[in-house]
Amino acid sequence: MHKPTRASREKSGWPARLAWLLAIWAASIAVLAIVAYVLRVVMESLGMTAGSA
């Protein structure tokens, strides 16, 4: 059985690593947006609005 060397793994694996990085980044942005929306809904339901100055 041929075991890939470290150099061959790193050379062939960087697109997958980049894809994972982008996926995790996008997921974190999506979760942040969801949390912000939920907080906004909760605050508006409690009457905590900024109002116009």
Foldseek 3Di string as FASTA:
>chain_A
DDDDDPVVCVVVCPVVVVVVVVVVVVVVVVVVVVVVVVVVVVCVVVVNDPDDD
